[in-house]
Amino acid sequence: MYPAVITVWFDYLMRMAAQEFEDHIGIDRSAYWKSRGIHAAQGLLRFTYDRLRRALGGVPHPLPDNRELRDLARPYYHSRLERRRGRHAGRQGALGPSKKRRLT
């Protein structure tokens, strides 16, 4: 698999984890430092990826800036909405599982 794809995915997951902790600053005492730690790890990931890019002669594309992508997506996506996988993941319906009567 192409290393840039994996790196972009890790970078995105780190950004989402940092955002979760940023939402809890003021509620959880350690949230600020956890957020800073994730941002530091994200910076290290970007530094290492850029070092790899230089070693390969700049062949892989640079990592996209997650802040810029977030700003572009803002009109279409709200990051505070519940994160689910798929369209109806884990949902049985608006009122629970259906109990259809079988007609005989």
N, C-alpha and C. Protein backbone atom coordinates (compact mmCIF):
# COMPACT_ATOMS: atom_id res chain seq x y z
N MET A 1 0.85 -1.18 0.00
CA MET A 1 0.00 0.00 0.00
C MET A 1 0.89 1.24 0.00
N TYR A 2 0.44 2.25 -0.63
CA TYR A 2 1.18 3.50 -0.77
C TYR A 2 1.35 4.17 0.59
N PRO A 3 2.58 4.50 1.02
CA PRO A 3 2.79 5.03 2.37
C PRO A 3 2.07 6.35 2.63
N ALA A 4 1.85 7.15 1.60
CA ALA A 4 1.18 8.43 1.82
C ALA A 4 -0.26 8.22 2.28
N VAL A 5 -0.92 7.22 1.77
CA VAL A 5 -2.31 6.95 2.15
C VAL A 5 -2.40 6.61 3.63
N ILE A 6 -1.50 5.76 4.10
CA ILE A 6 -1.50 5.37 5.50
C ILE A 6 -1.17 6.57 6.38
N THR A 7 -0.22 7.38 5.95
CA THR A 7 0.19 8.55 6.72
C THR A 7 -0.94 9.56 6.81
N VAL A 8 -1.65 9.78 5.72
CA VAL A 8 -2.79 10.70 5.74
C VAL A 8 -3.85 10.19 6.70
N TRP A 9 -4.08 8.89 6.70
CA TRP A 9 -5.07 8.29 7.60
C TRP A 9 -4.66 8.48 9.06
N PHE A 10 -3.39 8.19 9.37
CA PHE A 10 -2.90 8.40 10.74
C PHE A 10 -3.02 9.87 11.14
N ASP A 11 -2.67 10.76 10.24
CA ASP A 11 -2.74 12.19 10.53
C ASP A 11 -4.19 12.60 10.82
N TYR A 12 -5.13 12.08 10.05
CA TYR A 12 -6.55 12.37 10.27
C TYR A 12 -7.01 11.83 11.62
N LEU A 13 -6.64 10.59 11.94
CA LEU A 13 -7.04 10.00 13.22
C LEU A 13 -6.46 10.78 14.40
N MET A 14 -5.23 11.25 14.25
CA MET A 14 -4.63 12.06 15.31
C MET A 14 -5.37 13.38 15.46
N ARG A 15 -5.76 13.98 14.35
CA ARG A 15 -6.49 15.24 14.41
C ARG A 15 -7.84 15.05 15.11
N MET A 16 -8.54 13.97 14.81
CA MET A 16 -9.83 13.71 15.43
C MET A 16 -9.67 13.44 16.93
N ALA A 17 -8.62 12.71 17.31
CA ALA A 17 -8.38 12.44 18.73
C ALA A 17 -8.04 13.73 19.47
N ALA A 18 -7.22 14.57 18.87
CA ALA A 18 -6.88 15.85 19.49
C ALA A 18 -8.13 16.71 19.66
N GLN A 19 -9.01 16.68 18.67
CA GLN A 19 -10.24 17.47 18.75
C GLN A 19 -11.13 16.98 19.88
N GLU A 20 -11.18 15.67 20.09
CA GLU A 20 -11.95 15.12 21.21
C GLU A 20 -11.44 15.66 22.54
N PHE A 21 -10.11 15.69 22.70
CA PHE A 21 -9.54 16.20 23.94
C PHE A 21 -9.76 17.71 24.06
N GLU A 22 -9.67 18.44 22.95
CA GLU A 22 -9.89 19.88 22.99
C GLU A 22 -11.32 20.20 23.41
N ASP A 23 -12.26 19.33 23.07
CA ASP A 23 -13.64 19.53 23.50
C ASP A 23 -13.80 19.38 25.01
N HIS A 24 -12.88 18.67 25.65
CA HIS A 24 -12.98 18.41 27.09
C HIS A 24 -12.07 19.29 27.93
N ILE A 25 -11.40 20.26 27.31
CA ILE A 25 -10.57 21.19 28.09
C ILE A 25 -11.50 21.99 28.99
N GLY A 26 -11.16 22.06 30.25
CA GLY A 26 -12.00 22.72 31.23
C GLY A 26 -12.85 21.74 32.01
N ILE A 27 -13.07 20.57 31.45
CA ILE A 27 -13.83 19.53 32.14
C ILE A 27 -12.88 18.49 32.71
N ASP A 28 -11.95 18.06 31.89
CA ASP A 28 -10.95 17.07 32.28
C ASP A 28 -9.61 17.78 32.46
N ARG A 29 -8.98 17.59 33.61
CA ARG A 29 -7.72 18.29 33.90
C ARG A 29 -6.61 17.93 32.93
N SER A 30 -6.57 16.71 32.48
CA SER A 30 -5.47 16.27 31.63
C SER A 30 -5.75 16.45 30.14
N ALA A 31 -6.91 16.96 29.77
CA ALA A 31 -7.29 17.06 28.36
C ALA A 31 -6.34 17.98 27.58
N TYR A 32 -5.95 19.09 28.18
CA TYR A 32 -5.06 20.03 27.48
C TYR A 32 -3.73 19.36 27.14
N TRP A 33 -3.15 18.66 28.13
CA TRP A 33 -1.84 18.05 27.90
C TRP A 33 -1.94 16.86 26.95
N LYS A 34 -3.04 16.15 26.98
CA LYS A 34 -3.24 15.06 26.02
C LYS A 34 -3.34 15.62 24.60
N SER A 35 -4.07 16.72 24.46
CA SER A 35 -4.20 17.37 23.16
C SER A 35 -2.84 17.84 22.66
N ARG A 36 -2.06 18.47 23.53
CA ARG A 36 -0.72 18.93 23.15
C ARG A 36 0.16 17.75 22.77
N GLY A 37 0.07 16.65 23.50
CA GLY A 37 0.85 15.46 23.18
C GLY A 37 0.52 14.90 21.81
N ILE A 38 -0.77 14.89 21.50
CA ILE A 38 -1.18 14.39 20.18
C ILE A 38 -0.69 15.33 19.08
N HIS A 39 -0.76 16.63 19.32
CA HIS A 39 -0.26 17.59 18.32
C HIS A 39 1.25 17.44 18.14
N ALA A 40 1.98 17.15 19.23
CA ALA A 40 3.42 16.92 19.11
C ALA A 40 3.70 15.66 18.29
N ALA A 41 2.94 14.59 18.54
CA ALA A 41 3.10 13.35 17.77
C ALA A 41 2.74 13.59 16.30
N GLN A 42 1.74 14.42 16.07
CA GLN A 42 1.35 14.75 14.69
C GLN A 42 2.47 15.52 13.99
N GLY A 43 3.11 16.43 14.72
CA GLY A 43 4.25 17.16 14.15
C GLY A 43 5.41 16.23 13.84
N LEU A 44 5.66 15.26 14.72
CA LEU A 44 6.72 14.28 14.49
C LEU A 44 6.39 13.41 13.27
N LEU A 45 5.14 13.02 13.12
CA LEU A 45 4.72 12.25 11.95
C LEU A 45 4.95 13.03 10.66
N ARG A 46 4.57 14.30 10.66
CA ARG A 46 4.78 15.14 9.47
C ARG A 46 6.25 15.35 9.17
N PHE A 47 7.06 15.56 10.23
CA PHE A 47 8.51 15.73 10.05
C PHE A 47 9.12 14.49 9.43
N THR A 48 8.76 13.31 9.96
CA THR A 48 9.30 12.05 9.45
C THR A 48 8.86 11.81 8.02
N TYR A 49 7.60 12.13 7.71
CA TYR A 49 7.10 11.94 6.35
C TYR A 49 7.83 12.88 5.38
N ASP A 50 8.03 14.13 5.79
CA ASP A 50 8.75 15.07 4.92
C ASP A 50 10.20 14.63 4.71
N ARG A 51 10.80 14.05 5.74
CA ARG A 51 12.16 13.52 5.62
C ARG A 51 12.19 12.38 4.60
N LEU A 52 11.19 11.51 4.66
CA LEU A 52 11.08 10.41 3.69
C LEU A 52 10.87 10.96 2.28
N ARG A 53 10.05 11.99 2.16
CA ARG A 53 9.83 12.61 0.84
C ARG A 53 11.13 13.15 0.25
N ARG A 54 11.91 13.83 1.09
CA ARG A 54 13.19 14.37 0.61
C ARG A 54 14.12 13.25 0.18
N ALA A 55 14.14 12.14 0.94
CA ALA A 55 14.99 11.01 0.59
C ALA A 55 14.57 10.37 -0.73
N LEU A 56 13.28 10.44 -1.04
CA LEU A 56 12.77 9.87 -2.30
C LEU A 56 12.73 10.89 -3.43
N GLY A 57 13.33 12.03 -3.21
CA GLY A 57 13.38 13.05 -4.26
C GLY A 57 12.07 13.80 -4.43
N GLY A 58 11.25 13.86 -3.41
CA GLY A 58 9.99 14.60 -3.49
C GLY A 58 8.92 13.90 -4.29
N VAL A 59 9.07 12.59 -4.49
CA VAL A 59 8.11 11.85 -5.31
C VAL A 59 6.72 11.80 -4.67
N PRO A 60 6.58 11.37 -3.40
CA PRO A 60 5.23 11.39 -2.82
C PRO A 60 4.74 12.82 -2.63
N HIS A 61 3.46 13.00 -2.75
CA HIS A 61 2.87 14.32 -2.54
C HIS A 61 2.97 14.71 -1.07
N PRO A 62 3.01 16.01 -0.78
CA PRO A 62 3.01 16.42 0.64
C PRO A 62 1.67 16.09 1.29
N LEU A 63 1.70 15.96 2.61
CA LEU A 63 0.47 15.67 3.34
C LEU A 63 -0.47 16.87 3.27
N PRO A 64 -1.76 16.63 3.11
CA PRO A 64 -2.70 17.75 3.12
C PRO A 64 -2.81 18.33 4.52
N ASP A 65 -3.09 19.62 4.59
CA ASP A 65 -3.25 20.28 5.88
C ASP A 65 -4.66 20.02 6.39
N ASN A 66 -4.76 19.33 7.53
CA ASN A 66 -6.07 18.98 8.06
C ASN A 66 -6.89 20.21 8.45
N ARG A 67 -6.23 21.27 8.90
CA ARG A 67 -6.98 22.49 9.25
C ARG A 67 -7.63 23.10 8.01
N GLU A 68 -6.88 23.09 6.91
CA GLU A 68 -7.44 23.63 5.66
C GLU A 68 -8.60 22.77 5.17
N LEU A 69 -8.44 21.45 5.25
CA LEU A 69 -9.53 20.56 4.84
C LEU A 69 -10.75 20.76 5.72
N ARG A 70 -10.54 20.95 7.03
CA ARG A 70 -11.64 21.18 7.96
C ARG A 70 -12.37 22.47 7.60
N ASP A 71 -11.62 23.52 7.26
CA ASP A 71 -12.25 24.79 6.89
C ASP A 71 -13.04 24.67 5.58
N LEU A 72 -12.51 23.90 4.64
CA LEU A 72 -13.23 23.71 3.36
C LEU A 72 -14.50 22.89 3.55
N ALA A 73 -14.47 21.93 4.49
CA ALA A 73 -15.62 21.05 4.70
C ALA A 73 -16.66 21.65 5.64
N ARG A 74 -16.33 22.74 6.30
CA ARG A 74 -17.22 23.31 7.33
C ARG A 74 -18.66 23.51 6.85
N PRO A 75 -18.93 24.01 5.64
CA PRO A 75 -20.33 24.18 5.23
C PRO A 75 -21.09 22.86 5.05
N TYR A 76 -20.38 21.76 4.88
CA TYR A 76 -21.03 20.49 4.56
C TYR A 76 -20.96 19.45 5.67
N TYR A 77 -20.11 19.67 6.67
CA TYR A 77 -19.86 18.65 7.68
C TYR A 77 -19.71 19.32 9.04
N HIS A 78 -20.39 18.79 10.03
CA HIS A 78 -20.25 19.30 11.38
C HIS A 78 -19.50 18.25 12.20
N SER A 79 -18.33 18.62 12.70
CA SER A 79 -17.46 17.65 13.35
C SER A 79 -17.99 17.16 14.69
N ARG A 80 -18.95 17.86 15.28
CA ARG A 80 -19.46 17.47 16.59
C ARG A 80 -20.60 16.45 16.49
N LEU A 81 -21.05 16.16 15.28
CA LEU A 81 -22.09 15.15 15.11
C LEU A 81 -21.53 13.78 15.48
N GLU A 82 -22.42 12.89 15.83
CA GLU A 82 -21.99 11.55 16.22
C GLU A 82 -21.30 10.89 15.04
N ARG A 83 -20.16 10.26 15.33
CA ARG A 83 -19.38 9.62 14.28
C ARG A 83 -19.80 8.16 14.18
N ARG A 84 -20.44 7.80 13.09
CA ARG A 84 -20.87 6.42 12.85
C ARG A 84 -20.24 5.91 11.58
N ARG A 85 -20.10 4.64 11.52
CA ARG A 85 -19.60 4.01 10.30
C ARG A 85 -20.80 3.58 9.48
N GLY A 86 -20.86 4.02 8.28
CA GLY A 86 -21.97 3.63 7.42
C GLY A 86 -23.20 4.48 7.67
N ARG A 87 -24.19 4.29 6.85
CA ARG A 87 -25.36 5.15 6.89
C ARG A 87 -26.24 4.92 8.11
N HIS A 88 -26.48 3.67 8.45
CA HIS A 88 -27.38 3.35 9.56
C HIS A 88 -26.69 2.40 10.55
N ALA A 89 -25.43 2.63 10.85
CA ALA A 89 -24.68 1.69 11.68
C ALA A 89 -25.29 1.55 13.06
N GLY A 90 -25.65 0.35 13.40
CA GLY A 90 -26.14 0.06 14.73
C GLY A 90 -27.54 0.55 15.02
N ARG A 91 -28.22 1.07 14.04
CA ARG A 91 -29.55 1.62 14.27
C ARG A 91 -30.60 0.68 13.71
N GLN A 92 -31.60 0.39 14.52
CA GLN A 92 -32.67 -0.51 14.09
C GLN A 92 -33.79 0.25 13.42
N GLY A 93 -33.83 1.51 13.58
CA GLY A 93 -34.91 2.33 13.05
C GLY A 93 -35.22 3.43 14.04
N ALA A 94 -36.07 4.34 13.66
CA ALA A 94 -36.35 5.48 14.52
C ALA A 94 -37.01 5.06 15.83
N LEU A 95 -37.85 4.03 15.78
CA LEU A 95 -38.58 3.61 16.98
C LEU A 95 -38.15 2.24 17.49
N GLY A 96 -37.00 1.77 17.06
CA GLY A 96 -36.52 0.48 17.50
C GLY A 96 -36.77 -0.58 16.44
N PRO A 97 -36.49 -1.84 16.77
CA PRO A 97 -36.67 -2.90 15.79
C PRO A 97 -38.14 -3.04 15.40
N SER A 98 -38.36 -3.29 14.15
CA SER A 98 -39.75 -3.42 13.69
C SER A 98 -40.31 -4.78 14.08
N LYS A 99 -41.57 -4.76 14.43
CA LYS A 99 -42.27 -6.00 14.81
C LYS A 99 -43.45 -6.17 13.86
N LYS A 100 -43.09 -6.60 12.66
CA LYS A 100 -44.14 -6.77 11.65
C LYS A 100 -44.89 -8.06 11.92
N ARG A 101 -46.19 -7.95 11.77
CA ARG A 101 -47.02 -9.16 11.91
C ARG A 101 -46.99 -9.94 10.63
N ARG A 102 -46.91 -11.20 10.78
CA ARG A 102 -46.92 -12.05 9.62
C ARG A 102 -48.36 -12.34 9.23
N LEU A 103 -48.66 -12.03 7.98
CA LEU A 103 -50.02 -12.29 7.48
C LEU A 103 -50.11 -13.72 6.96
N THR A 104 -51.11 -14.45 7.41
CA THR A 104 -51.27 -15.84 6.95
C THR A 104 -52.56 -16.02 6.22
